[in-house]
Protein backbone atom coordinates (compact mmCIF):
# COMPACT_ATOMS: atom_id res chain seq x y z
CA MET A 1 23.98 -16.98 0.54
CA GLN A 2 24.72 -19.48 -1.51
CA PRO A 3 23.22 -21.02 -4.81
CA SER A 4 21.29 -24.11 -5.16
CA ALA A 5 22.17 -26.75 -7.04
CA THR A 6 19.79 -25.00 -10.26
CA GLY A 7 22.22 -21.90 -9.56
CA HIS A 8 19.07 -19.79 -8.59
CA LEU A 9 18.86 -18.51 -4.67
CA CYS A 10 16.53 -20.36 -2.71
CA TYR A 11 13.72 -18.69 -0.75
CA TYR A 12 10.95 -20.06 1.49
CA PRO A 13 7.55 -18.47 0.30
CA VAL A 14 5.33 -17.16 3.24
CA GLY A 15 2.28 -16.03 1.37
CA SER A 16 1.12 -13.51 -1.23
CA ALA A 17 0.00 -9.93 -0.55
CA SER A 18 -3.60 -10.99 -0.67
CA GLN A 19 -2.91 -13.19 2.27
CA GLN A 20 -1.25 -10.82 4.16
CA PRO A 21 -2.16 -7.03 3.48
CA MET A 22 0.02 -4.29 4.39
CA ALA A 23 -0.95 -1.07 5.26
CA GLN A 24 1.25 0.80 3.04
CA VAL A 25 2.66 0.47 -0.28
CA ILE A 26 6.18 -1.49 -0.61
CA GLN A 27 8.63 0.79 -2.85
CA ALA A 28 11.93 -0.97 -3.92
CA TYR A 29 14.20 0.32 -6.37
CA CYS A 30 14.29 -0.86 -10.15
CA VAL A 31 17.18 -1.24 -12.10
CA ARG A 32 15.47 -0.97 -15.41
CA CYS A 33 13.64 2.51 -14.43
CA LYS A 34 16.70 3.51 -11.82
CA ALA A 35 13.99 4.89 -9.55
CA GLN A 36 11.97 3.78 -6.76
CA ARG A 37 8.97 2.72 -7.54
CA PRO A 38 6.11 0.90 -6.24
CA MET A 39 5.91 -3.05 -6.42
CA VAL A 40 2.75 -4.92 -7.62
CA GLU A 41 2.05 -8.85 -7.44
CA VAL A 42 3.94 -8.77 -4.04
CA GLU A 43 4.93 -11.89 -2.20
CA TYR A 44 6.20 -11.87 1.26
CA LEU A 45 9.17 -14.65 2.11
CA ASN A 46 11.67 -15.62 3.98
CA THR A 47 15.40 -15.96 2.33
CA ARG A 48 17.27 -19.15 2.74
CA ASN A 49 19.31 -17.20 6.00
CA GLY A 50 15.92 -16.24 7.43
CA ARG A 51 15.95 -12.62 6.45
CA PRO A 52 12.74 -11.44 5.76
CA ALA A 53 11.81 -9.97 2.26
CA ALA A 54 9.46 -8.87 -0.17
CA ARG A 55 9.59 -9.81 -3.70
CA GLY A 56 7.54 -8.02 -6.48
CA LYS A 57 7.10 -6.40 -9.96
CA CYS A 58 7.84 -3.20 -10.67
CA ALA A 59 4.35 -1.15 -11.49
CA LYS A 60 5.71 0.85 -14.38
CA CYS A 61 8.37 -1.86 -16.35
CA GLY A 62 7.04 -5.08 -14.78
CA THR A 63 10.64 -5.86 -13.95
CA VAL A 64 11.09 -8.07 -10.87
CA THR A 65 11.97 -6.12 -7.55
CA MET A 66 13.22 -7.24 -4.23
CA LYS A 67 13.13 -5.35 -0.94
CA PHE A 68 14.61 -6.75 2.37
CA LEU A 69 12.28 -6.08 5.24
CA LYS A 70 12.45 -5.43 8.96
CA SER A 71 10.25 -7.89 9.65
CA LEU A 72 7.11 -9.76 7.85
CA PRO A 73 3.58 -8.38 8.14
CA PRO A 74 1.38 -9.84 10.45
CA PRO A 75 -0.72 -12.76 9.05
CA ALA A 76 -4.46 -11.88 7.72
CA PRO A 77 -6.92 -12.69 10.20
CA MET A 78 -8.97 -15.99 9.15
CA LEU A 79 -12.40 -15.42 8.20
CA GLU A 80 -15.03 -17.83 9.14
CA PRO A 81 -17.63 -19.01 7.18
CA PRO A 82 -20.99 -17.88 7.80
CA ALA A 83 -23.13 -19.86 10.12
CA GLU A 84 -25.86 -21.53 8.26
CA ASP A 85 -29.11 -21.56 10.13
CA LYS A 86 -29.91 -25.32 10.75
CA ALA A 87 -33.83 -24.74 11.57
CA GLU A 88 -35.92 -27.85 11.35
CA ASP A 89 -39.13 -28.24 11.00
CA PRO A 90 -40.46 -29.64 14.56
CA ALA A 91 -42.62 -32.12 12.72
CA ALA A 92 -40.03 -33.40 10.14
CA ALA A 93 -37.89 -34.10 13.74
CA GLY A 94 -40.06 -35.79 15.22
CA SER A 95 -40.82 -38.27 12.84
CA ARG A 96 -37.30 -39.78 12.59
């Protein structure tokens, strides 16, 4: 991948873990701890070349970690707002 004009790699965010929950905790290699650690504050994204990935922080030391994924998790289901009961008073409806 080529760096952008600012020298950083470009990522296309897809959503946070709260928007797209996964069943299991994502384990990624932390270069500071030198071990596999669970990720917190996970954000799903696609790299510039379209490869799915997850970026987050090490649960122990807070270092930014990243792991390439086979595929992105399915989007979270949209929750419908509760239906409001608009039961009008028949006497008030007739006076209009």
